[in-house]
PDB file of all heavy atoms in Angstrom:
ATOM      1  N   GLY A   1     230.783   5.957 -49.278  1.00  0.00           N
ATOM      2  CA  GLY A   1     229.980   5.487 -50.363  1.00  0.00           C
ATOM      3  C   GLY A   1     230.697   4.857 -51.502  1.00  0.00           C
ATOM      4  O   GLY A   1     230.167   4.771 -52.590  1.00  0.00           O
ATOM      5  N   ASN A   2     231.914   4.338 -51.227  1.00  0.00           N
ATOM      6  CA  ASN A   2     232.674   3.750 -52.265  1.00  0.00           C
ATOM      7  C   ASN A   2     232.057   2.487 -52.766  1.00  0.00           C
ATOM      8  O   ASN A   2     231.981   1.494 -52.103  1.00  0.00           O
ATOM      9  CB  ASN A   2     234.133   3.400 -51.727  1.00  0.00           C
ATOM     10  CG  ASN A   2     235.036   2.875 -52.701  1.00  0.00           C
ATOM     11  OD1 ASN A   2     234.760   1.902 -53.435  1.00  0.00           O
ATOM     12  ND2 ASN A   2     236.274   3.532 -52.801  1.00  0.00           N
ATOM     13  N   ALA A   3     231.634   2.496 -54.012  1.00  0.00           N
ATOM     14  CA  ALA A   3     230.900   1.396 -54.602  1.00  0.00           C
ATOM     15  C   ALA A   3     231.805   0.127 -54.753  1.00  0.00           C
ATOM     16  O   ALA A   3     231.359  -0.988 -54.636  1.00  0.00           O
ATOM     17  CB  ALA A   3     230.298   1.747 -55.971  1.00  0.00           C
ATOM     18  N   ASP A   4     233.070   0.384 -55.012  1.00  0.00           N
ATOM     19  CA  ASP A   4     233.988  -0.808 -55.127  1.00  0.00           C
ATOM     20  C   ASP A   4     234.100  -1.597 -53.831  1.00  0.00           C
ATOM     21  O   ASP A   4     234.066  -2.798 -53.780  1.00  0.00           O
ATOM     22  CB  ASP A   4     235.402  -0.358 -55.550  1.00  0.00           C
ATOM     23  CG  ASP A   4     235.389   0.145 -56.973  1.00  0.00           C
ATOM     24  OD1 ASP A   4     234.501  -0.243 -57.786  1.00  0.00           O
ATOM     25  OD2 ASP A   4     236.351   0.930 -57.346  1.00  0.00           O
ATOM     26  N   LEU A   5     234.140  -0.852 -52.667  1.00  0.00           N
ATOM     27  CA  LEU A   5     234.210  -1.549 -51.427  1.00  0.00           C
ATOM     28  C   LEU A   5     232.924  -2.216 -51.106  1.00  0.00           C
ATOM     29  O   LEU A   5     232.975  -3.381 -50.525  1.00  0.00           O
ATOM     30  CB  LEU A   5     234.495  -0.464 -50.337  1.00  0.00           C
ATOM     31  CG  LEU A   5     234.558  -1.002 -48.857  1.00  0.00           C
ATOM     32  CD1 LEU A   5     235.612  -2.089 -48.718  1.00  0.00           C
ATOM     33  CD2 LEU A   5     234.843   0.173 -47.912  1.00  0.00           C
ATOM     34  N   ILE A   6     231.780  -1.621 -51.368  1.00  0.00           N
ATOM     35  CA  ILE A   6     230.522  -2.259 -51.138  1.00  0.00           C
ATOM     36  C   ILE A   6     230.407  -3.444 -51.990  1.00  0.00           C
ATOM     37  O   ILE A   6     229.858  -4.519 -51.608  1.00  0.00           O
ATOM     38  CB  ILE A   6     229.386  -1.254 -51.399  1.00  0.00           C
ATOM     39  CG1 ILE A   6     229.370  -0.199 -50.314  1.00  0.00           C
ATOM     40  CG2 ILE A   6     228.005  -2.006 -51.519  1.00  0.00           C
ATOM     41  CD1 ILE A   6     228.385   0.970 -50.601  1.00  0.00           C
ATOM     42  N   ASN A   7     230.891  -3.434 -53.221  1.00  0.00           N
ATOM     43  CA  ASN A   7     230.811  -4.610 -54.155  1.00  0.00           C
ATOM     44  C   ASN A   7     231.651  -5.735 -53.552  1.00  0.00           C
ATOM     45  O   ASN A   7     231.262  -6.910 -53.635  1.00  0.00           O
ATOM     46  CB  ASN A   7     231.362  -4.215 -55.519  1.00  0.00           C
ATOM     47  CG  ASN A   7     231.111  -5.340 -56.507  1.00  0.00           C
ATOM     48  OD1 ASN A   7     230.114  -5.907 -56.575  1.00  0.00           O
ATOM     49  ND2 ASN A   7     232.190  -5.709 -57.212  1.00  0.00           N
ATOM     50  N   HIS A   8     232.740  -5.386 -52.984  1.00  0.00           N
ATOM     51  CA  HIS A   8     233.654  -6.343 -52.282  1.00  0.00           C
ATOM     52  C   HIS A   8     232.820  -7.034 -51.212  1.00  0.00           C
ATOM     53  O   HIS A   8     232.952  -8.325 -51.023  1.00  0.00           O
ATOM     54  CB  HIS A   8     234.877  -5.699 -51.719  1.00  0.00           C
ATOM     55  CG  HIS A   8     235.683  -6.641 -50.864  1.00  0.00           C
ATOM     56  ND1 HIS A   8     236.448  -7.692 -51.356  1.00  0.00           N
ATOM     57  CD2 HIS A   8     235.900  -6.617 -49.504  1.00  0.00           C
ATOM     58  CE1 HIS A   8     237.040  -8.309 -50.296  1.00  0.00           C
ATOM     59  NE2 HIS A   8     236.720  -7.678 -49.205  1.00  0.00           N
ATOM     60  N   PHE A   9     232.146  -6.362 -50.354  1.00  0.00           N
ATOM     61  CA  PHE A   9     231.312  -6.913 -49.348  1.00  0.00           C
ATOM     62  C   PHE A   9     230.257  -7.917 -49.911  1.00  0.00           C
ATOM     63  O   PHE A   9     230.076  -8.987 -49.372  1.00  0.00           O
ATOM     64  CB  PHE A   9     230.694  -5.887 -48.476  1.00  0.00           C
ATOM     65  CG  PHE A   9     231.556  -4.962 -47.699  1.00  0.00           C
ATOM     66  CD1 PHE A   9     231.234  -3.589 -47.498  1.00  0.00           C
ATOM     67  CD2 PHE A   9     232.767  -5.415 -47.205  1.00  0.00           C
ATOM     68  CE1 PHE A   9     232.089  -2.780 -46.779  1.00  0.00           C
ATOM     69  CE2 PHE A   9     233.642  -4.559 -46.452  1.00  0.00           C
ATOM     70  CZ  PHE A   9     233.318  -3.242 -46.236  1.00  0.00           C
ATOM     71  N   PHE A  10     229.559  -7.388 -50.897  1.00  0.00           N
ATOM     72  CA  PHE A  10     228.518  -8.182 -51.526  1.00  0.00           C
ATOM     73  C   PHE A  10     229.017  -9.482 -52.134  1.00  0.00           C
ATOM     74  O   PHE A  10     228.404 -10.568 -51.987  1.00  0.00           O
ATOM     75  CB  PHE A  10     227.762  -7.371 -52.533  1.00  0.00           C
ATOM     76  CG  PHE A  10     226.901  -6.333 -51.948  1.00  0.00           C
ATOM     77  CD1 PHE A  10     226.381  -5.270 -52.746  1.00  0.00           C
ATOM     78  CD2 PHE A  10     226.524  -6.296 -50.653  1.00  0.00           C
ATOM     79  CE1 PHE A  10     225.608  -4.290 -52.300  1.00  0.00           C
ATOM     80  CE2 PHE A  10     225.747  -5.227 -50.094  1.00  0.00           C
ATOM     81  CZ  PHE A  10     225.254  -4.270 -50.862  1.00  0.00           C
ATOM     82  N   THR A  11     230.089  -9.421 -52.951  1.00  0.00           N
ATOM     83  CA  THR A  11     230.585 -10.589 -53.605  1.00  0.00           C
ATOM     84  C   THR A  11     231.182 -11.564 -52.551  1.00  0.00           C
ATOM     85  O   THR A  11     231.089 -12.785 -52.671  1.00  0.00           O
ATOM     86  CB  THR A  11     231.718 -10.242 -54.624  1.00  0.00           C
ATOM     87  OG1 THR A  11     232.764  -9.431 -53.981  1.00  0.00           O
ATOM     88  CG2 THR A  11     231.088  -9.446 -55.720  1.00  0.00           C
ATOM     89  N   SER A  12     231.749 -11.068 -51.420  1.00  0.00           N
ATOM     90  CA  SER A  12     232.210 -11.903 -50.385  1.00  0.00           C
ATOM     91  C   SER A  12     231.119 -12.636 -49.686  1.00  0.00           C
ATOM     92  O   SER A  12     231.215 -13.889 -49.426  1.00  0.00           O
ATOM     93  CB  SER A  12     232.996 -11.125 -49.352  1.00  0.00           C
ATOM     94  OG  SER A  12     234.142 -10.490 -49.849  1.00  0.00           O
ATOM     95  N   ALA A  13     229.934 -11.976 -49.590  1.00  0.00           N
ATOM     96  CA  ALA A  13     228.742 -12.591 -49.027  1.00  0.00           C
ATOM     97  C   ALA A  13     228.203 -13.705 -49.892  1.00  0.00           C
ATOM     98  O   ALA A  13     227.871 -14.783 -49.521  1.00  0.00           O
ATOM     99  CB  ALA A  13     227.758 -11.523 -48.686  1.00  0.00           C
ATOM    100  N   ASP A  14     228.197 -13.382 -51.218  1.00  0.00           N
ATOM    101  CA  ASP A  14     227.673 -14.379 -52.202  1.00  0.00           C
ATOM    102  C   ASP A  14     228.585 -15.616 -52.129  1.00  0.00           C
ATOM    103  O   ASP A  14     227.966 -16.767 -52.147  1.00  0.00           O
ATOM    104  CB  ASP A  14     227.739 -13.783 -53.623  1.00  0.00           C
ATOM    105  CG  ASP A  14     226.701 -12.697 -53.821  1.00  0.00           C
ATOM    106  OD1 ASP A  14     225.733 -12.660 -53.070  1.00  0.00           O
ATOM    107  OD2 ASP A  14     226.813 -11.981 -54.760  1.00  0.00           O
ATOM    108  N   THR A  15     229.860 -15.451 -52.066  1.00  0.00           N
ATOM    109  CA  THR A  15     230.763 -16.610 -52.007  1.00  0.00           C
ATOM    110  C   THR A  15     230.585 -17.343 -50.707  1.00  0.00           C
ATOM    111  O   THR A  15     230.444 -18.607 -50.746  1.00  0.00           O
ATOM    112  CB  THR A  15     232.271 -16.139 -52.169  1.00  0.00           C
ATOM    113  OG1 THR A  15     232.381 -15.479 -53.402  1.00  0.00           O
ATOM    114  CG2 THR A  15     233.195 -17.310 -52.039  1.00  0.00           C
ATOM    115  N   ALA A  16     230.492 -16.635 -49.574  1.00  0.00           N
ATOM    116  CA  ALA A  16     230.309 -17.353 -48.289  1.00  0.00           C
ATOM    117  C   ALA A  16     228.977 -18.184 -48.234  1.00  0.00           C
ATOM    118  O   ALA A  16     228.950 -19.197 -47.755  1.00  0.00           O
ATOM    119  CB  ALA A  16     230.389 -16.318 -47.215  1.00  0.00           C
ATOM    120  N   TRP A  17     227.953 -17.534 -48.764  1.00  0.00           N
ATOM    121  CA  TRP A  17     226.584 -18.212 -48.709  1.00  0.00           C
ATOM    122  C   TRP A  17     226.669 -19.517 -49.549  1.00  0.00           C
ATOM    123  O   TRP A  17     226.202 -20.515 -49.079  1.00  0.00           O
ATOM    124  CB  TRP A  17     225.581 -17.285 -49.333  1.00  0.00           C
ATOM    125  CG  TRP A  17     224.633 -16.656 -48.282  1.00  0.00           C
ATOM    126  CD1 TRP A  17     223.283 -16.820 -48.199  1.00  0.00           C
ATOM    127  CD2 TRP A  17     225.036 -15.640 -47.246  1.00  0.00           C
ATOM    128  NE1 TRP A  17     222.805 -16.055 -47.164  1.00  0.00           N
ATOM    129  CE2 TRP A  17     223.828 -15.326 -46.587  1.00  0.00           C
ATOM    130  CE3 TRP A  17     226.191 -15.029 -46.895  1.00  0.00           C
ATOM    131  CZ2 TRP A  17     223.774 -14.401 -45.511  1.00  0.00           C
ATOM    132  CZ3 TRP A  17     226.202 -14.161 -45.784  1.00  0.00           C
ATOM    133  CH2 TRP A  17     225.049 -13.820 -45.217  1.00  0.00           C
ATOM    134  N   GLN A  18     227.349 -19.441 -50.681  1.00  0.00           N
ATOM    135  CA  GLN A  18     227.468 -20.675 -51.519  1.00  0.00           C
ATOM    136  C   GLN A  18     228.266 -21.700 -50.792  1.00  0.00           C
ATOM    137  O   GLN A  18     227.945 -22.868 -50.846  1.00  0.00           O
ATOM    138  CB  GLN A  18     228.109 -20.285 -52.889  1.00  0.00           C
ATOM    139  CG  GLN A  18     227.185 -19.496 -53.797  1.00  0.00           C
ATOM    140  CD  GLN A  18     227.925 -19.013 -55.034  1.00  0.00           C
ATOM    141  OE1 GLN A  18     229.138 -19.303 -55.269  1.00  0.00           O
ATOM    142  NE2 GLN A  18     227.182 -18.322 -55.908  1.00  0.00           N
ATOM    143  N   GLU A  19     229.412 -21.335 -50.260  1.00  0.00           N
ATOM    144  CA  GLU A  19     230.254 -22.240 -49.579  1.00  0.00           C
ATOM    145  C   GLU A  19     229.635 -22.862 -48.353  1.00  0.00           C
ATOM    146  O   GLU A  19     230.012 -24.024 -47.941  1.00  0.00           O
ATOM    147  CB  GLU A  19     231.590 -21.507 -49.149  1.00  0.00           C
ATOM    148  CG  GLU A  19     232.478 -21.188 -50.306  1.00  0.00           C
ATOM    149  CD  GLU A  19     233.707 -20.443 -49.966  1.00  0.00           C
ATOM    150  OE1 GLU A  19     233.834 -20.030 -48.791  1.00  0.00           O
ATOM    151  OE2 GLU A  19     234.632 -20.327 -50.859  1.00  0.00           O
ATOM    152  N   SER A  20     228.630 -22.182 -47.764  1.00  0.00           N
ATOM    153  CA  SER A  20     227.968 -22.705 -46.645  1.00  0.00           C
ATOM    154  C   SER A  20     226.709 -23.544 -47.025  1.00  0.00           C
ATOM    155  O   SER A  20     225.978 -23.992 -46.192  1.00  0.00           O
ATOM    156  CB  SER A  20     227.447 -21.581 -45.717  1.00  0.00           C
ATOM    157  OG  SER A  20     228.543 -20.957 -45.055  1.00  0.00           O
ATOM    158  N   GLY A  21     226.593 -23.716 -48.412  1.00  0.00           N
ATOM    159  CA  GLY A  21     225.520 -24.574 -48.824  1.00  0.00           C
ATOM    160  C   GLY A  21     224.156 -23.875 -48.826  1.00  0.00           C
ATOM    161  O   GLY A  21     223.163 -24.657 -48.853  1.00  0.00           O
ATOM    162  N   ARG A  22     224.141 -22.638 -48.763  1.00  0.00           N
ATOM    163  CA  ARG A  22     222.818 -21.991 -48.735  1.00  0.00           C
ATOM    164  C   ARG A  22     222.233 -21.907 -50.108  1.00  0.00           C
ATOM    165  O   ARG A  22     222.921 -21.660 -51.154  1.00  0.00           O
ATOM    166  CB  ARG A  22     223.008 -20.520 -48.218  1.00  0.00           C
ATOM    167  CG  ARG A  22     223.602 -20.340 -46.830  1.00  0.00           C
ATOM    168  CD  ARG A  22     222.552 -20.589 -45.744  1.00  0.00           C
ATOM    169  NE  ARG A  22     221.515 -19.535 -45.806  1.00  0.00           N
ATOM    170  CZ  ARG A  22     221.536 -18.450 -45.108  1.00  0.00           C
ATOM    171  NH1 ARG A  22     222.578 -18.190 -44.222  1.00  0.00           N
ATOM    172  NH2 ARG A  22     220.533 -17.590 -45.170  1.00  0.00           N
ATOM    173  N   GLN A  23     220.910 -22.091 -50.162  1.00  0.00           N
ATOM    174  CA  GLN A  23     220.242 -22.088 -51.482  1.00  0.00           C
ATOM    175  C   GLN A  23     219.740 -20.674 -51.724  1.00  0.00           C
ATOM    176  O   GLN A  23     219.513 -20.307 -52.876  1.00  0.00           O
ATOM    177  CB  GLN A  23     219.043 -23.087 -51.428  1.00  0.00           C
ATOM    178  CG  GLN A  23     219.412 -24.564 -51.275  1.00  0.00           C
ATOM    179  CD  GLN A  23     220.392 -25.008 -52.347  1.00  0.00           C
ATOM    180  OE1 GLN A  23     220.111 -24.827 -53.500  1.00  0.00           O
ATOM    181  NE2 GLN A  23     221.485 -25.608 -51.951  1.00  0.00           N
ATOM    182  N   ASP A  24     219.496 -19.905 -50.701  1.00  0.00           N
ATOM    183  CA  ASP A  24     219.040 -18.519 -50.868  1.00  0.00           C
ATOM    184  C   ASP A  24     220.251 -17.593 -51.009  1.00  0.00           C
ATOM    185  O   ASP A  24     221.408 -17.890 -50.696  1.00  0.00           O
ATOM    186  CB  ASP A  24     218.228 -18.115 -49.603  1.00  0.00           C
ATOM    187  CG  ASP A  24     219.007 -18.230 -48.292  1.00  0.00           C
ATOM    188  OD1 ASP A  24     219.898 -19.187 -48.160  1.00  0.00           O
ATOM    189  OD2 ASP A  24     218.795 -17.417 -47.319  1.00  0.00           O
ATOM    190  N   LYS A  25     220.025 -16.403 -51.535  1.00  0.00           N
ATOM    191  CA  LYS A  25     221.024 -15.401 -51.702  1.00  0.00           C
ATOM    192  C   LYS A  25     220.954 -14.402 -50.530  1.00  0.00           C
ATOM    193  O   LYS A  25     219.852 -14.125 -49.993  1.00  0.00           O
ATOM    194  CB  LYS A  25     220.847 -14.671 -53.028  1.00  0.00           C
ATOM    195  CG  LYS A  25     221.154 -15.560 -54.228  1.00  0.00           C
ATOM    196  CD  LYS A  25     221.086 -14.763 -55.544  1.00  0.00           C
ATOM    197  CE  LYS A  25     221.469 -15.661 -56.741  1.00  0.00           C
ATOM    198  NZ  LYS A  25     221.368 -14.866 -57.998  1.00  0.00           N
ATOM    199  N   PRO A  26     222.081 -13.830 -50.119  1.00  0.00           N
ATOM    200  CA  PRO A  26     222.057 -12.839 -49.011  1.00  0.00           C
ATOM    201  C   PRO A  26     221.387 -11.580 -49.441  1.00  0.00           C
ATOM    202  O   PRO A  26     221.521 -11.034 -50.557  1.00  0.00           O
ATOM    203  CB  PRO A  26     223.517 -12.627 -48.661  1.00  0.00           C
ATOM    204  CG  PRO A  26     224.245 -12.933 -49.972  1.00  0.00           C
ATOM    205  CD  PRO A  26     223.445 -14.119 -50.583  1.00  0.00           C
ATOM    206  N   TYR A  27     220.500 -11.037 -48.549  1.00  0.00           N
ATOM    207  CA  TYR A  27     219.919  -9.715 -48.715  1.00  0.00           C
ATOM    208  C   TYR A  27     221.033  -8.707 -48.681  1.00  0.00           C
ATOM    209  O   TYR A  27     221.946  -8.771 -47.752  1.00  0.00           O
ATOM    210  CB  TYR A  27     218.912  -9.457 -47.638  1.00  0.00           C
ATOM    211  CG  TYR A  27     218.128  -8.114 -47.847  1.00  0.00           C
ATOM    212  CD1 TYR A  27     216.973  -8.202 -48.647  1.00  0.00           C
ATOM    213  CD2 TYR A  27     218.453  -6.954 -47.218  1.00  0.00           C
ATOM    214  CE1 TYR A  27     216.196  -7.059 -48.844  1.00  0.00           C
ATOM    215  CE2 TYR A  27     217.631  -5.804 -47.432  1.00  0.00           C
ATOM    216  CZ  TYR A  27     216.525  -5.900 -48.227  1.00  0.00           C
ATOM    217  OH  TYR A  27     215.782  -4.785 -48.421  1.00  0.00           O
ATOM    218  N   ARG A  28     221.077  -7.794 -49.658  1.00  0.00           N
ATOM    219  CA  ARG A  28     222.213  -6.911 -49.759  1.00  0.00           C
ATOM    220  C   ARG A  28     221.808  -5.517 -49.306  1.00  0.00           C
ATOM    221  O   ARG A  28     220.960  -4.781 -49.956  1.00  0.00           O
ATOM    222  CB  ARG A  28     222.669  -6.851 -51.212  1.00  0.00           C
ATOM    223  CG  ARG A  28     223.299  -8.091 -51.788  1.00  0.00           C
ATOM    224  CD  ARG A  28     223.571  -7.901 -53.218  1.00  0.00           C
ATOM    225  NE  ARG A  28     224.555  -8.893 -53.695  1.00  0.00           N
ATOM    226  CZ  ARG A  28     225.237  -8.767 -54.805  1.00  0.00           C
ATOM    227  NH1 ARG A  28     225.097  -7.745 -55.553  1.00  0.00           N
ATOM    228  NH2 ARG A  28     226.150  -9.700 -55.168  1.00  0.00           N
ATOM    229  N   MET A  29     222.358  -5.059 -48.139  1.00  0.00           N
ATOM    230  CA  MET A  29     222.041  -3.688 -47.704  1.00  0.00           C
ATOM    231  C   MET A  29     223.407  -2.980 -47.557  1.00  0.00           C
ATOM    232  O   MET A  29     224.376  -3.495 -47.096  1.00  0.00           O
ATOM    233  CB  MET A  29     221.358  -3.673 -46.346  1.00  0.00           C
ATOM    234  CG  MET A  29     220.847  -2.271 -45.953  1.00  0.00           C
ATOM    235  SD  MET A  29     219.665  -2.304 -44.602  1.00  0.00           S
ATOM    236  CE  MET A  29     220.741  -2.564 -43.171  1.00  0.00           C
ATOM    237  N   ALA A  30     223.396  -1.731 -48.047  1.00  0.00           N
ATOM    238  CA  ALA A  30     224.604  -0.928 -47.983  1.00  0.00           C
ATOM    239  C   ALA A  30     224.312   0.360 -47.220  1.00  0.00           C
ATOM    240  O   ALA A  30     223.214   0.570 -46.724  1.00  0.00           O
ATOM    241  CB  ALA A  30     225.082  -0.512 -49.430  1.00  0.00           C
ATOM    242  N   GLY A  31     225.305   1.152 -47.018  1.00  0.00           N
ATOM    243  CA  GLY A  31     225.130   2.468 -46.343  1.00  0.00           C
ATOM    244  C   GLY A  31     226.325   3.372 -46.411  1.00  0.00           C
ATOM    245  O   GLY A  31     227.408   2.883 -46.702  1.00  0.00           O
ATOM    246  N   PHE A  32     226.103   4.642 -46.285  1.00  0.00           N
ATOM    247  CA  PHE A  32     227.258   5.622 -46.206  1.00  0.00           C
ATOM    248  C   PHE A  32     226.743   6.905 -45.469  1.00  0.00           C
ATOM    249  O   PHE A  32     225.555   7.154 -45.361  1.00  0.00           O
ATOM    250  CB  PHE A  32     227.800   5.996 -47.567  1.00  0.00           C
ATOM    251  CG  PHE A  32     226.826   6.604 -48.581  1.00  0.00           C
ATOM    252  CD1 PHE A  32     226.489   7.951 -48.539  1.00  0.00           C
ATOM    253  CD2 PHE A  32     226.332   5.861 -49.684  1.00  0.00           C
ATOM    254  CE1 PHE A  32     225.660   8.513 -49.481  1.00  0.00           C
ATOM    255  CE2 PHE A  32     225.543   6.405 -50.634  1.00  0.00           C
ATOM    256  CZ  PHE A  32     225.156   7.728 -50.542  1.00  0.00           C
ATOM    257  N   TRP A  33     227.696   7.697 -45.042  1.00  0.00           N
ATOM    258  CA  TRP A  33     227.474   8.987 -44.403  1.00  0.00           C
ATOM    259  C   TRP A  33     227.223  10.034 -45.481  1.00  0.00           C
ATOM    260  O   TRP A  33     227.884  10.026 -46.534  1.00  0.00           O
ATOM    261  CB  TRP A  33     228.677   9.370 -43.601  1.00  0.00           C
ATOM    262  CG  TRP A  33     228.829   8.535 -42.326  1.00  0.00           C
ATOM    263  CD1 TRP A  33     227.950   7.995 -41.545  1.00  0.00           C
ATOM    264  CD2 TRP A  33     230.103   8.137 -41.833  1.00  0.00           C
ATOM    265  NE1 TRP A  33     228.497   7.279 -40.469  1.00  0.00           N
ATOM    266  CE2 TRP A  33     229.778   7.351 -40.588  1.00  0.00           C
ATOM    267  CE3 TRP A  33     231.457   8.355 -42.094  1.00  0.00           C
ATOM    268  CZ2 TRP A  33     230.808   6.794 -39.783  1.00  0.00           C
ATOM    269  CZ3 TRP A  33     232.449   7.851 -41.268  1.00  0.00           C
ATOM    270  CH2 TRP A  33     232.106   7.085 -40.125  1.00  0.00           C
TER     271      TRP A  33
END
């Protein structure tokens, strides 16, 4: 449940979506045990 790690995943996705020319934002789903 490390929020810093989850934030890394989310910000990486935001960057990737932008670089791929996507106009929409990625749906953000997280999870932990």
